[in-house]
Amino acid sequence: MQYRYFYVLLCLVFGTFSSCQLNNSAVDQPNILILMADDLAVHAINRLGNEKVVTPNIDQLITSGTVFKNAYNAGSPNEEVDQFSQQMFFSGQHFLNPNRTPTAFPNLFQKAGYDTFYTGKWLGSEEDFISYFDYGNSVFLGKEHSIKDGGHDTPIVHHLENGLLNKSQANDFSSTVFTNSVLDFLWTENRSNPFLAVVAFTSPHRPYMAPEKFTTRYNDIKISLPKNFSEKHAFDTGALEVKDETIHPTPLNEEWVKQDIRAYYAMVSEMDTQIGRILSALKLTKLDKKTIVILMSDNGIALGQHGLMGKQNLYKHSTNIPLVFMGPGIRVNTTLETSCYIHDIYPTICEMAGIDIPTKIDGKSFAPVFQNPNKTIRKSLLLAYGNSQRSFLAADNWKLIKYFTGREEKVQLFDLIEDPFEMNDLSKQPIFRKKLRQMSDSLVVQMARNNDSMMKLEIELRYVGNKKSPEVAIISSAPKSAIHYTIDGTVPTIKSRRYYQPFKVVNVDGQKSGLTKVKAAVFVGNQKIGKVAEIEITPKQPTAELISK
């Protein structure tokens, strides 16, 4: 404890984290410290372009490390975006591929001799938490702080003791409580093992209730609406009645939105102060020379952009996340263009720690870019929300979003280089017709490769009245793609019959048994994508079983 008091005194004397000379050489089994914010958007960081927000410690971390400009949360199957973001982060899996259950990376670090520690927001099961972490202090089990349970001011937290998570009421602001817990861990004496530590802040997530000294900081600052502010979204996204979208009625009131932005900025600044305490502790304990620090967020947030308030959408303001690496072997004051997902962090930190990367994960390590900044890890990204939104982000920074909320698909096409705020939809302009077709085809291909449930292909038999011969319907939710089929059991090719409408099987190619096999597949251009659906049928058969290969 005496070391902690000494640390507090030094922090009072020296203030926030100051710049330091980084060790340019990587170390064996480096410590890994992950600072995960909750709803921290790229547009809410001073160094990344918003001069209104006070974030000196995050800014210093950025100038001392490497920023990934095109890091993205892949989306969510429903409105619980933060839950699935955390799930993808720990599993290394795109949420569209839930069937594989790889080992979570904390378990891999444990096997490699690391001590694992966690504080802050946890959205998984208690059983998983106890399995993943050797130490857990001030763990918040919940989606957001309830005012009736103390809100951010005095949150209910849990502590890992003797294999159980025991509940207690904290007596300080959430970010302060989590920071105090990780400082206790960092100041552990006689440490013999490297560590993996995660600080999962619940800021700047609602409820926006930062301490007064942070809210007053923004009282005299003129808050401007975002460039792409709108009073309401132009059309139905399929998620206009969930979570933050229900906080204010539409059309959005400009003053209400400004008040939310002001309160949100105060939450960001409060968290920034706590990050400064953590970085100062690393320096004072001399752990900074052998610790890789990762600053990230689970997702962004709209706050009035495009007429939206939340994160249940695929616009850049809600899917693009801040991601910064700092420490030994990491370039300083560097911004990288390579695209990556939140679930790519799993294999990346494994590679940096010398841990074998599991083969059955979707994540790709981007560790090579620290040595070769021009290396491309991913050429494109697939973003998804529920069954209502899909987006394809190409390597040339063109972006397509498709909405499946009505009888016809709604499409948006953006050139993110010329239009980073996604304000100018080019999908209706004839000059970009070829680009739109290319992007649409690429979207379907990526959906198939990621086992998207919207690419499901089914063959349905319909027996009408007393007729013995069935009508065959081929059903696909793949957006605007061609379906080709055969009735002789062979695998369809682009030259096979194209499906337009249900058809009847009258004569089964002269087979005495009356048995035939219909096969169907989806094609983009000349390329067959996804699984082949097939069904065996006979005119006398009242029902049939769908077989997918």
Protein backbone atom coordinates (compact mmCIF):
# COMPACT_ATOMS: atom_id res chain seq x y z
CA MET A 1 0.00 0.00 0.00
CA GLN A 2 2.88 2.41 0.72
CA TYR A 3 3.82 2.28 -2.98
CA ARG A 4 0.30 3.28 -3.93
CA TYR A 5 0.34 6.32 -1.68
CA PHE A 6 3.70 7.28 -3.18
CA TYR A 7 2.17 6.95 -6.65
CA VAL A 8 -0.78 9.19 -5.75
CA LEU A 9 1.62 11.87 -4.48
CA LEU A 10 3.64 11.75 -7.70
CA CYS A 11 0.47 12.01 -9.79
CA LEU A 12 -0.53 15.12 -7.88
CA VAL A 13 2.89 16.63 -8.50
CA PHE A 14 3.34 15.70 -12.16
CA GLY A 15 -0.30 15.66 -13.32
CA THR A 16 -1.28 13.78 -16.44
CA PHE A 17 0.76 11.25 -18.33
CA SER A 18 3.64 12.84 -20.19
CA SER A 19 5.44 11.68 -23.28
CA CYS A 20 8.25 9.20 -22.92
CA GLN A 21 10.89 7.70 -25.14
CA LEU A 22 9.64 4.36 -26.37
CA ASN A 23 11.73 1.25 -26.55
CA ASN A 24 11.78 0.45 -30.25
CA SER A 25 12.67 -3.19 -29.76
CA ALA A 26 10.03 -5.81 -29.06
CA VAL A 27 10.29 -7.90 -25.90
CA ASP A 28 9.60 -11.56 -25.29
CA GLN A 29 6.24 -12.13 -23.63
CA PRO A 30 5.33 -8.45 -23.24
CA ASN A 31 2.65 -7.45 -20.78
CA ILE A 32 -0.64 -6.63 -22.51
CA LEU A 33 -2.84 -3.86 -21.08
CA ILE A 34 -6.16 -3.29 -22.86
CA LEU A 35 -8.14 -0.12 -22.18
CA MET A 36 -11.61 -0.69 -23.62
CA ALA A 37 -14.01 2.24 -23.72
CA ASP A 38 -17.78 1.89 -24.04
CA ASP A 39 -19.33 3.87 -26.94
CA LEU A 40 -16.20 5.99 -27.50
CA ALA A 41 -16.43 7.27 -31.06
CA VAL A 42 -13.51 8.33 -33.25
CA HIS A 43 -15.22 11.71 -33.58
CA ALA A 44 -14.98 12.23 -29.79
CA ILE A 45 -11.17 12.40 -29.54
CA ASN A 46 -9.26 15.67 -29.81
CA ARG A 47 -6.21 14.26 -31.56
CA LEU A 48 -8.40 12.50 -34.13
CA GLY A 49 -10.05 15.70 -35.25
CA ASN A 50 -12.45 17.06 -32.62
CA GLU A 51 -10.90 20.14 -31.02
CA LYS A 52 -13.90 20.64 -28.72
CA VAL A 53 -13.17 17.51 -26.66
CA VAL A 54 -10.52 17.60 -23.92
CA THR A 55 -8.58 14.32 -24.13
CA PRO A 56 -4.89 15.07 -23.35
CA ASN A 57 -4.02 11.56 -22.18
CA ILE A 58 -5.62 9.74 -25.09
CA ASP A 59 -3.91 12.29 -27.36
CA GLN A 60 -0.54 11.53 -25.78
CA LEU A 61 -1.12 7.81 -26.19
CA ILE A 62 -1.88 8.39 -29.87
CA THR A 63 1.28 10.43 -30.50
CA SER A 64 3.32 7.79 -28.66
CA GLY A 65 1.90 4.89 -30.64
CA THR A 66 0.19 3.65 -33.79
CA VAL A 67 -3.40 4.43 -34.77
CA PHE A 68 -5.47 2.12 -36.97
CA LYS A 69 -7.60 4.49 -38.99
CA ASN A 70 -9.86 1.81 -40.47
CA ALA A 71 -10.65 -0.41 -37.49
CA TYR A 72 -14.27 -1.57 -37.35
CA ASN A 73 -16.78 -3.40 -35.23
CA ALA A 74 -18.38 -5.92 -37.60
CA GLY A 75 -21.90 -5.24 -36.31
CA SER A 76 -24.47 -7.23 -34.39
CA PRO A 77 -27.39 -9.64 -34.93
CA ASN A 78 -29.64 -7.39 -32.83
CA GLU A 79 -29.71 -4.15 -30.83
CA GLU A 80 -27.20 -5.43 -28.22
CA VAL A 81 -24.23 -4.15 -30.20
CA ASP A 82 -21.85 -3.84 -27.22
CA GLN A 83 -22.53 -7.42 -26.10
CA PHE A 84 -21.65 -8.91 -29.49
CA SER A 85 -18.69 -6.59 -29.86
CA GLN A 86 -17.24 -7.97 -26.65
CA GLN A 87 -18.07 -11.50 -27.77
CA MET A 88 -16.23 -11.04 -31.09
CA PHE A 89 -13.27 -9.47 -29.28
CA PHE A 90 -12.73 -12.43 -26.95
CA SER A 91 -13.58 -15.20 -29.46
CA GLY A 92 -11.86 -13.92 -32.61
CA GLN A 93 -15.07 -14.73 -34.50
CA HIS A 94 -17.30 -12.63 -36.75
CA PHE A 95 -20.77 -12.78 -35.17
CA LEU A 96 -22.09 -14.26 -38.43
CA ASN A 97 -20.04 -17.40 -37.64
CA PRO A 98 -21.39 -18.44 -34.22
CA ASN A 99 -21.05 -22.19 -34.71
CA ARG A 100 -17.32 -22.43 -34.07
CA THR A 101 -16.31 -22.14 -30.42
CA PRO A 102 -12.57 -21.40 -30.27
CA THR A 103 -10.68 -20.97 -27.05
CA ALA A 104 -11.00 -17.41 -25.73
CA PHE A 105 -7.66 -15.62 -25.84
CA PRO A 106 -7.35 -15.11 -22.02
CA ASN A 107 -7.21 -18.90 -21.67
CA LEU A 108 -4.39 -19.04 -24.22
CA PHE A 109 -2.48 -16.41 -22.26
CA GLN A 110 -3.01 -18.37 -19.05
CA LYS A 111 -1.53 -21.48 -20.67
CA ALA A 112 1.44 -19.38 -21.82
CA GLY A 113 2.22 -18.40 -18.21
CA TYR A 114 0.45 -15.04 -18.04
CA ASP A 115 -1.49 -13.72 -15.07
CA THR A 116 -4.89 -12.54 -16.34
CA PHE A 117 -6.79 -9.65 -14.75
CA TYR A 118 -10.08 -7.90 -15.47
CA THR A 119 -11.98 -4.92 -14.16
CA GLY A 120 -15.03 -3.11 -15.54
CA LYS A 121 -17.94 -4.07 -17.75
CA TRP A 122 -18.44 -7.78 -18.42
CA LEU A 123 -21.23 -9.00 -20.72
CA GLY A 124 -20.46 -12.71 -20.80
CA SER A 125 -21.40 -15.42 -18.32
CA GLU A 126 -19.99 -15.57 -14.80
CA GLU A 127 -18.69 -19.06 -15.59
CA ASP A 128 -16.67 -17.76 -18.53
CA PHE A 129 -15.30 -14.89 -16.47
CA ILE A 130 -14.07 -17.22 -13.72
CA SER A 131 -12.47 -19.42 -16.37
CA TYR A 132 -10.76 -16.57 -18.26
CA PHE A 133 -9.32 -14.51 -15.42
CA ASP A 134 -7.09 -15.27 -12.46
CA TYR A 135 -7.92 -11.93 -10.85
CA GLY A 136 -11.07 -9.85 -11.09
CA ASN A 137 -11.85 -6.75 -9.10
CA SER A 138 -14.69 -4.21 -9.44
CA VAL A 139 -16.40 -6.14 -12.23
CA PHE A 140 -19.67 -4.65 -13.47
CA LEU A 141 -22.11 -7.34 -14.59
CA GLY A 142 -24.63 -5.51 -16.73
CA LYS A 143 -25.32 -3.55 -19.89
CA GLU A 144 -25.46 -0.08 -18.38
CA HIS A 145 -25.52 1.52 -14.95
CA SER A 146 -29.02 1.83 -13.55
CA ILE A 147 -29.76 5.07 -11.71
CA LYS A 148 -31.68 3.19 -9.02
CA ASP A 149 -28.60 1.04 -8.35
CA GLY A 150 -26.24 4.01 -8.02
CA GLY A 151 -25.66 4.81 -11.69
CA HIS A 152 -22.07 5.70 -12.51
CA ASP A 153 -21.73 7.49 -9.15
CA THR A 154 -21.72 4.43 -6.89
CA PRO A 155 -22.11 1.35 -9.10
CA ILE A 156 -22.75 -2.22 -7.99
CA VAL A 157 -19.63 -4.28 -8.74
CA HIS A 158 -18.34 -7.80 -8.16
CA HIS A 159 -15.00 -9.15 -6.92
CA LEU A 160 -13.49 -12.52 -7.77
CA GLU A 161 -12.76 -14.34 -4.53
CA ASN A 162 -12.26 -18.07 -4.08
CA GLY A 163 -13.78 -18.84 -7.47
CA LEU A 164 -16.90 -16.73 -6.88
CA LEU A 165 -17.97 -13.24 -7.94
CA ASN A 166 -19.12 -11.47 -4.80
CA LYS A 167 -21.26 -8.32 -5.01
CA SER A 168 -20.67 -4.97 -3.32
CA GLN A 169 -21.56 -1.30 -3.75
CA ALA A 170 -18.70 0.95 -4.84
CA ASN A 171 -18.31 4.37 -3.25
CA ASP A 172 -16.83 6.29 -6.18
CA PHE A 173 -17.45 7.06 -9.85
CA SER A 174 -17.33 4.00 -12.14
CA SER A 175 -14.18 4.94 -14.08
CA THR A 176 -12.36 5.84 -10.88
CA VAL A 177 -13.34 2.52 -9.30
CA PHE A 178 -12.10 0.51 -12.28
CA THR A 179 -8.88 2.51 -12.43
CA ASN A 180 -8.21 2.03 -8.72
CA SER A 181 -8.61 -1.71 -9.22
CA VAL A 182 -6.12 -1.95 -12.08
CA LEU A 183 -3.65 0.28 -10.18
CA ASP A 184 -3.77 -2.14 -7.26
CA PHE A 185 -2.94 -4.89 -9.74
CA LEU A 186 -0.12 -2.96 -11.44
CA TRP A 187 1.52 -2.16 -8.11
CA THR A 188 1.75 -5.85 -7.19
CA GLU A 189 5.13 -6.50 -5.61
CA ASN A 190 7.51 -9.29 -6.63
CA ARG A 191 5.68 -10.00 -9.87
CA SER A 192 7.15 -13.09 -11.55
CA ASN A 193 4.80 -13.60 -14.52
CA PRO A 194 3.86 -11.36 -17.45
CA PHE A 195 0.28 -10.14 -17.34
CA LEU A 196 -2.76 -9.64 -19.53
CA ALA A 197 -4.96 -6.95 -17.99
CA VAL A 198 -8.26 -5.60 -19.32
CA VAL A 199 -9.91 -2.39 -18.11
CA ALA A 200 -13.42 -2.26 -19.59
CA PHE A 201 -14.73 1.21 -18.82
CA THR A 202 -18.47 1.81 -18.78
CA SER A 203 -17.82 5.35 -20.03
CA PRO A 204 -18.81 7.23 -22.02
CA HIS A 205 -21.95 5.03 -22.22
CA ARG A 206 -25.25 6.40 -20.93
CA PRO A 207 -26.42 7.52 -18.45
CA TYR A 208 -24.40 10.70 -19.07
CA MET A 209 -23.64 11.81 -15.51
CA ALA A 210 -19.99 12.87 -15.31
CA PRO A 211 -18.79 14.55 -12.08
CA GLU A 212 -19.40 18.29 -11.94
CA LYS A 213 -15.78 19.31 -12.51
CA PHE A 214 -15.99 17.69 -15.96
CA THR A 215 -19.45 18.94 -16.92
CA THR A 216 -18.59 22.56 -16.02
CA ARG A 217 -15.58 22.31 -18.35
CA TYR A 218 -17.99 22.35 -21.29
CA ASN A 219 -20.45 24.97 -20.01
CA ASP A 220 -18.83 27.83 -21.90
CA ILE A 221 -17.90 25.86 -25.01
CA LYS A 222 -20.10 26.31 -28.06
CA ILE A 223 -21.27 22.88 -29.10
CA SER A 224 -21.89 22.48 -32.81
CA LEU A 225 -24.09 19.90 -34.45
CA PRO A 226 -22.32 17.31 -36.63
CA LYS A 227 -21.95 18.15 -40.33
CA ASN A 228 -24.23 15.24 -41.18
CA PHE A 229 -26.88 16.06 -38.56
CA SER A 230 -30.46 15.45 -39.60
CA GLU A 231 -33.72 15.78 -37.70
CA LYS A 232 -34.68 12.25 -38.72
CA HIS A 233 -33.33 9.43 -40.83
CA ALA A 234 -34.49 9.56 -44.43
CA PHE A 235 -35.97 6.05 -44.46
CA ASP A 236 -36.56 2.97 -42.30
CA THR A 237 -33.31 1.23 -41.31
CA GLY A 238 -35.02 -1.59 -39.46
CA ALA A 239 -33.68 -0.25 -36.15
CA LEU A 240 -35.40 3.08 -35.56
CA GLU A 241 -37.31 1.94 -32.47
CA VAL A 242 -34.56 0.40 -30.35
CA LYS A 243 -32.26 1.60 -27.57
CA ASP A 244 -30.92 5.16 -28.03
CA GLU A 245 -33.24 5.80 -30.97
CA THR A 246 -36.12 6.03 -28.48
CA ILE A 247 -34.47 8.56 -26.15
CA HIS A 248 -35.72 11.60 -28.04
CA PRO A 249 -38.79 11.92 -30.27
CA THR A 250 -38.30 12.66 -33.95
CA PRO A 251 -37.80 15.05 -35.54
CA LEU A 252 -34.79 15.53 -33.29
CA ASN A 253 -34.61 18.79 -31.38
CA GLU A 254 -31.26 20.48 -32.06
CA GLU A 255 -30.85 21.78 -28.51
CA TRP A 256 -31.56 18.38 -26.98
CA VAL A 257 -28.92 16.81 -29.21
CA LYS A 258 -26.40 19.51 -28.26
CA GLN A 259 -27.07 18.86 -24.57
CA ASP A 260 -26.43 15.14 -25.12
CA ILE A 261 -23.20 15.87 -26.98
CA ARG A 262 -22.04 18.20 -24.20
CA ALA A 263 -22.77 15.59 -21.52
CA TYR A 264 -21.11 12.88 -23.63
CA TYR A 265 -17.94 14.96 -24.00
CA ALA A 266 -17.79 15.37 -20.21
CA MET A 267 -17.94 11.57 -19.82
CA VAL A 268 -15.12 11.20 -22.34
CA SER A 269 -12.93 13.72 -20.49
CA GLU A 270 -13.55 12.01 -17.15
CA MET A 271 -12.45 8.67 -18.59
CA ASP A 272 -9.44 10.34 -20.19
CA THR A 273 -8.30 11.50 -16.75
CA GLN A 274 -8.42 7.92 -15.47
CA ILE A 275 -6.46 6.70 -18.50
CA GLY A 276 -3.83 9.27 -17.57
CA ARG A 277 -3.58 7.78 -14.08
CA ILE A 278 -3.04 4.31 -15.55
CA LEU A 279 -0.36 5.44 -17.99
CA SER A 280 1.43 7.36 -15.24
CA ALA A 281 1.43 4.24 -13.06
CA LEU A 282 2.97 2.21 -15.89
CA LYS A 283 5.78 4.72 -16.15
CA LEU A 284 6.37 4.96 -12.40
CA THR A 285 6.52 1.18 -12.02
CA LYS A 286 8.78 0.99 -15.12
CA LEU A 287 6.32 -1.44 -16.64
CA ASP A 288 5.97 0.82 -19.69
CA LYS A 289 9.20 -0.59 -21.14
CA LYS A 290 7.70 -4.05 -21.40
CA THR A 291 3.96 -3.39 -21.74
CA ILE A 292 1.92 -3.07 -24.91
CA VAL A 293 -0.99 -0.71 -24.24
CA ILE A 294 -4.09 -0.99 -26.43
CA LEU A 295 -6.77 1.69 -26.44
CA MET A 296 -10.00 0.68 -28.15
CA SER A 297 -13.75 0.99 -28.05
CA ASP A 298 -16.50 -1.55 -28.59
CA ASN A 299 -18.25 0.68 -31.13
CA GLY A 300 -18.97 4.31 -31.92
CA ILE A 301 -22.24 6.25 -31.65
CA ALA A 302 -24.29 8.63 -33.82
CA LEU A 303 -25.46 11.45 -31.51
CA GLY A 304 -27.54 13.18 -34.18
CA GLN A 305 -25.62 12.11 -37.27
CA HIS A 306 -27.94 10.97 -40.09
CA GLY A 307 -30.88 11.61 -37.76
CA LEU A 308 -29.79 8.79 -35.45
CA MET A 309 -28.76 8.75 -31.78
CA GLY A 310 -27.42 5.25 -31.20
CA LYS A 311 -25.15 2.61 -32.73
CA GLN A 312 -27.64 0.22 -34.35
CA ASN A 313 -26.59 1.18 -37.85
CA LEU A 314 -23.69 0.65 -40.29
CA TYR A 315 -22.60 4.24 -40.83
CA LYS A 316 -18.97 5.08 -40.14
CA HIS A 317 -19.73 7.09 -36.99
CA SER A 318 -21.09 3.95 -35.30
CA THR A 319 -18.93 1.12 -36.70
CA ASN A 320 -15.49 2.74 -37.06
CA ILE A 321 -13.70 2.42 -33.70
CA PRO A 322 -10.64 4.10 -32.20
CA LEU A 323 -7.79 1.58 -32.00
CA VAL A 324 -4.31 2.54 -30.77
CA PHE A 325 -1.26 0.39 -29.92
CA MET A 326 1.64 1.76 -27.88
CA GLY A 327 4.70 0.08 -26.41
CA PRO A 328 7.85 -1.85 -27.26
CA GLY A 329 8.12 -2.64 -30.96
CA ILE A 330 5.33 -0.17 -31.85
CA ARG A 331 5.98 2.80 -34.14
CA VAL A 332 5.34 6.22 -32.60
CA ASN A 333 3.09 8.95 -34.02
CA THR A 334 1.98 6.65 -36.85
CA THR A 335 -1.38 6.27 -38.58
CA LEU A 336 -2.07 3.13 -40.60
CA GLU A 337 -4.64 2.74 -43.37
CA THR A 338 -5.00 -1.05 -43.27
CA SER A 339 -8.53 -2.26 -42.54
CA CYS A 340 -9.20 -4.56 -39.60
CA TYR A 341 -11.98 -5.88 -37.40
CA ILE A 342 -12.28 -5.81 -33.63
CA HIS A 343 -11.92 -9.61 -33.69
CA ASP A 344 -8.52 -9.27 -35.40
CA ILE A 345 -7.07 -8.03 -32.09
CA TYR A 346 -7.21 -11.59 -30.67
CA PRO A 347 -4.69 -13.15 -33.11
CA THR A 348 -2.62 -9.96 -33.18
CA ILE A 349 -1.83 -9.93 -29.45
CA CYS A 350 -1.26 -13.68 -29.54
CA GLU A 351 1.38 -13.24 -32.23
CA MET A 352 2.98 -10.35 -30.35
CA ALA A 353 3.18 -12.50 -27.21
CA GLY A 354 4.59 -15.52 -29.07
CA ILE A 355 1.41 -17.57 -28.58
CA ASP A 356 0.21 -19.92 -31.31
CA ILE A 357 -2.89 -18.59 -33.06
CA PRO A 358 -5.80 -21.05 -33.30
CA THR A 359 -6.53 -22.04 -36.89
CA LYS A 360 -10.32 -22.01 -36.53
CA ILE A 361 -10.95 -18.32 -35.94
CA ASP A 362 -12.06 -15.59 -38.31
CA GLY A 363 -9.61 -13.02 -36.98
CA LYS A 364 -6.40 -12.20 -38.87
CA SER A 365 -3.28 -10.94 -37.12
CA PHE A 366 -2.22 -7.46 -38.16
CA ALA A 367 1.02 -7.67 -36.16
CA PRO A 368 3.11 -7.64 -39.39
CA VAL A 369 2.11 -4.01 -40.06
CA PHE A 370 4.19 -2.85 -37.11
CA GLN A 371 7.27 -3.82 -39.11
CA ASN A 372 5.83 -3.10 -42.55
CA PRO A 373 3.25 -0.28 -42.36
CA ASN A 374 2.34 -0.67 -46.03
CA LYS A 375 1.27 -4.29 -45.66
CA THR A 376 -2.42 -4.98 -46.35
CA ILE A 377 -4.14 -7.37 -43.94
CA ARG A 378 -7.72 -7.16 -45.20
CA LYS A 379 -8.76 -5.89 -48.61
CA SER A 380 -12.41 -5.49 -47.64
CA LEU A 381 -14.83 -5.68 -44.71
CA LEU A 382 -18.37 -7.01 -44.30
CA LEU A 383 -20.53 -5.16 -41.76
CA ALA A 384 -23.94 -6.39 -40.71
CA TYR A 385 -26.83 -5.47 -38.46
CA GLY A 386 -29.68 -7.90 -37.80
CA ASN A 387 -31.42 -9.02 -40.99
CA SER A 388 -32.07 -5.45 -42.06
CA GLN A 389 -28.65 -3.99 -42.95
CA ARG A 390 -25.55 -5.19 -44.79
CA SER A 391 -22.49 -3.17 -45.83
CA PHE A 392 -19.42 -3.81 -47.95
CA LEU A 393 -16.33 -1.64 -47.40
CA ALA A 394 -13.82 -1.96 -50.24
CA ALA A 395 -10.07 -1.40 -50.17
CA ASP A 396 -10.40 1.77 -52.24
CA ASN A 397 -12.65 3.28 -49.53
CA TRP A 398 -15.88 2.89 -51.44
CA LYS A 399 -18.75 1.76 -49.26
CA LEU A 400 -22.10 0.13 -50.01
CA ILE A 401 -24.98 -0.21 -47.55
CA LYS A 402 -28.11 -2.23 -48.36
CA TYR A 403 -31.30 -2.19 -46.32
CA PHE A 404 -33.84 -5.02 -46.34
CA THR A 405 -36.79 -3.42 -44.63
CA GLY A 406 -39.48 -3.31 -47.31
CA ARG A 407 -40.52 -4.89 -50.55
CA GLU A 408 -37.53 -3.38 -52.33
CA GLU A 409 -33.93 -3.04 -51.22
CA LYS A 410 -32.72 0.43 -50.31
CA VAL A 411 -29.13 1.08 -51.41
CA GLN A 412 -26.53 3.71 -50.51
CA LEU A 413 -23.14 4.13 -52.20
CA PHE A 414 -20.46 6.37 -50.70
CA ASP A 415 -16.96 7.46 -51.71
CA LEU A 416 -15.41 7.77 -48.24
CA ILE A 417 -12.34 9.63 -49.49
CA GLU A 418 -14.40 12.46 -50.96
CA ASP A 419 -17.30 12.05 -48.55
CA PRO A 420 -16.08 10.86 -45.11
CA PHE A 421 -19.34 11.93 -43.44
CA GLU A 422 -21.43 9.77 -45.80
CA MET A 423 -23.66 12.62 -46.92
CA ASN A 424 -23.67 12.13 -50.71
CA ASP A 425 -25.34 8.90 -51.83
CA LEU A 426 -24.08 8.09 -55.35
CA SER A 427 -26.18 4.98 -55.96
CA LYS A 428 -28.65 6.72 -58.28
CA GLN A 429 -26.07 8.45 -60.46
CA PRO A 430 -25.64 6.74 -63.87
CA ILE A 431 -21.90 7.39 -63.92
CA PHE A 432 -21.49 5.07 -60.91
CA ARG A 433 -23.77 2.28 -62.19
CA LYS A 434 -20.83 -0.06 -62.87
CA LYS A 435 -19.33 0.65 -59.44
CA LEU A 436 -22.66 -0.06 -57.80
CA ARG A 437 -22.93 -3.41 -59.57
CA GLN A 438 -19.36 -4.36 -58.60
CA MET A 439 -19.95 -3.43 -54.97
CA SER A 440 -23.28 -5.28 -54.88
CA ASP A 441 -21.69 -8.43 -56.28
CA SER A 442 -18.82 -8.17 -53.78
CA LEU A 443 -21.30 -7.81 -50.92
CA VAL A 444 -23.06 -11.05 -51.86
CA VAL A 445 -19.74 -12.89 -52.15
CA GLN A 446 -18.65 -11.71 -48.71
CA MET A 447 -22.00 -12.67 -47.20
CA ALA A 448 -21.57 -16.19 -48.54
CA ARG A 449 -17.98 -16.48 -47.32
CA ASN A 450 -19.04 -15.43 -43.83
CA ASN A 451 -21.94 -17.92 -43.69
CA ASP A 452 -24.45 -15.10 -43.48
CA SER A 453 -27.88 -16.51 -42.66
CA MET A 454 -29.35 -14.13 -45.24
CA MET A 455 -27.65 -16.26 -47.90
CA LYS A 456 -29.81 -19.23 -46.97
CA LEU A 457 -31.02 -21.16 -50.02
CA GLU A 458 -34.03 -23.49 -49.78
CA ILE A 459 -35.99 -25.67 -52.16
CA GLU A 460 -39.65 -25.96 -51.24
CA LEU A 461 -42.17 -28.50 -52.57
CA ARG A 462 -45.74 -27.37 -52.89
CA TYR A 463 -48.52 -29.90 -53.41
CA VAL A 464 -51.65 -28.18 -54.63
CA GLY A 465 -54.96 -29.94 -54.02
CA ASN A 466 -54.93 -33.62 -55.01
CA LYS A 467 -52.22 -33.20 -57.62
CA LYS A 468 -49.45 -35.79 -57.29
CA SER A 469 -46.80 -33.73 -59.02
CA PRO A 470 -45.30 -31.02 -56.83
CA GLU A 471 -44.54 -27.44 -57.69
CA VAL A 472 -40.91 -26.57 -56.92
CA ALA A 473 -40.06 -23.17 -55.46
CA ILE A 474 -36.47 -22.06 -54.84
CA ILE A 475 -36.23 -19.49 -52.10
CA SER A 476 -33.22 -17.29 -51.44
CA SER A 477 -32.73 -14.16 -49.36
CA ALA A 478 -29.48 -13.35 -51.16
CA PRO A 479 -29.78 -9.77 -52.41
CA LYS A 480 -30.29 -9.51 -56.17
CA SER A 481 -28.34 -12.58 -57.22
CA ALA A 482 -28.95 -15.22 -59.88
CA ILE A 483 -30.10 -18.75 -59.01
CA HIS A 484 -29.40 -21.62 -61.38
CA TYR A 485 -30.73 -25.16 -60.93
CA THR A 486 -30.73 -28.69 -62.33
CA ILE A 487 -33.28 -31.52 -62.10
CA ASP A 488 -30.96 -34.41 -62.94
CA GLY A 489 -28.88 -34.35 -59.76
CA THR A 490 -25.84 -32.63 -61.26
CA VAL A 491 -24.24 -29.59 -59.62
CA PRO A 492 -25.55 -26.36 -61.19
CA THR A 493 -23.28 -24.23 -63.34
CA ILE A 494 -23.76 -20.80 -64.86
CA LYS A 495 -25.08 -22.60 -67.98
CA SER A 496 -27.77 -24.45 -66.03
CA ARG A 497 -31.37 -23.27 -66.09
CA ARG A 498 -31.93 -19.95 -64.38
CA TYR A 499 -34.69 -19.82 -61.82
CA TYR A 500 -37.35 -17.14 -62.23
CA GLN A 501 -40.54 -18.66 -60.79
CA PRO A 502 -41.88 -21.93 -59.33
CA PHE A 503 -42.03 -24.85 -61.79
CA LYS A 504 -43.72 -28.26 -61.90
CA VAL A 505 -42.09 -31.68 -62.05
CA VAL A 506 -44.36 -33.69 -64.35
CA ASN A 507 -42.16 -36.41 -65.78
CA VAL A 508 -39.12 -37.45 -63.85
CA ASP A 509 -36.76 -38.05 -66.74
CA GLY A 510 -38.25 -41.47 -67.42
CA GLN A 511 -37.03 -43.01 -64.19
CA LYS A 512 -39.21 -45.94 -63.16
CA SER A 513 -38.81 -45.13 -59.51
CA GLY A 514 -40.24 -41.68 -60.09
CA LEU A 515 -37.33 -40.20 -58.13
CA THR A 516 -35.40 -37.11 -59.13
CA LYS A 517 -33.09 -34.66 -57.47
CA VAL A 518 -33.28 -30.87 -57.82
CA LYS A 519 -30.15 -28.88 -57.04
CA ALA A 520 -29.82 -25.11 -56.87
CA ALA A 521 -27.03 -22.60 -56.29
CA VAL A 522 -26.53 -18.84 -56.14
CA PHE A 523 -24.26 -17.21 -58.72
CA VAL A 524 -22.57 -13.82 -58.83
CA GLY A 525 -21.33 -13.30 -62.36
CA ASN A 526 -19.90 -16.68 -63.34
CA GLN A 527 -18.98 -17.57 -59.77
CA LYS A 528 -20.99 -20.04 -57.70
CA ILE A 529 -21.09 -18.92 -54.09
CA GLY A 530 -22.39 -20.42 -50.89
CA LYS A 531 -23.85 -23.87 -50.37
CA VAL A 532 -25.70 -25.98 -52.93
CA ALA A 533 -29.26 -26.80 -51.88
CA GLU A 534 -30.76 -30.07 -53.04
CA ILE A 535 -33.92 -32.09 -52.57
CA GLU A 536 -35.05 -35.53 -53.64
CA ILE A 537 -38.64 -35.65 -54.86
CA THR A 538 -41.16 -38.07 -56.38
CA PRO A 539 -44.60 -37.22 -57.76
CA LYS A 540 -46.20 -39.54 -55.21
CA GLN A 541 -44.34 -38.10 -52.26
CA PRO A 542 -46.51 -35.86 -50.02
CA THR A 543 -43.52 -34.35 -48.20
CA ALA A 544 -39.81 -34.02 -48.83
CA GLU A 545 -36.69 -33.41 -46.83
CA LEU A 546 -34.39 -30.50 -47.70
CA ILE A 547 -30.75 -31.51 -47.91
CA SER A 548 -28.05 -28.80 -47.93
CA LYS A 549 -24.45 -29.55 -48.84
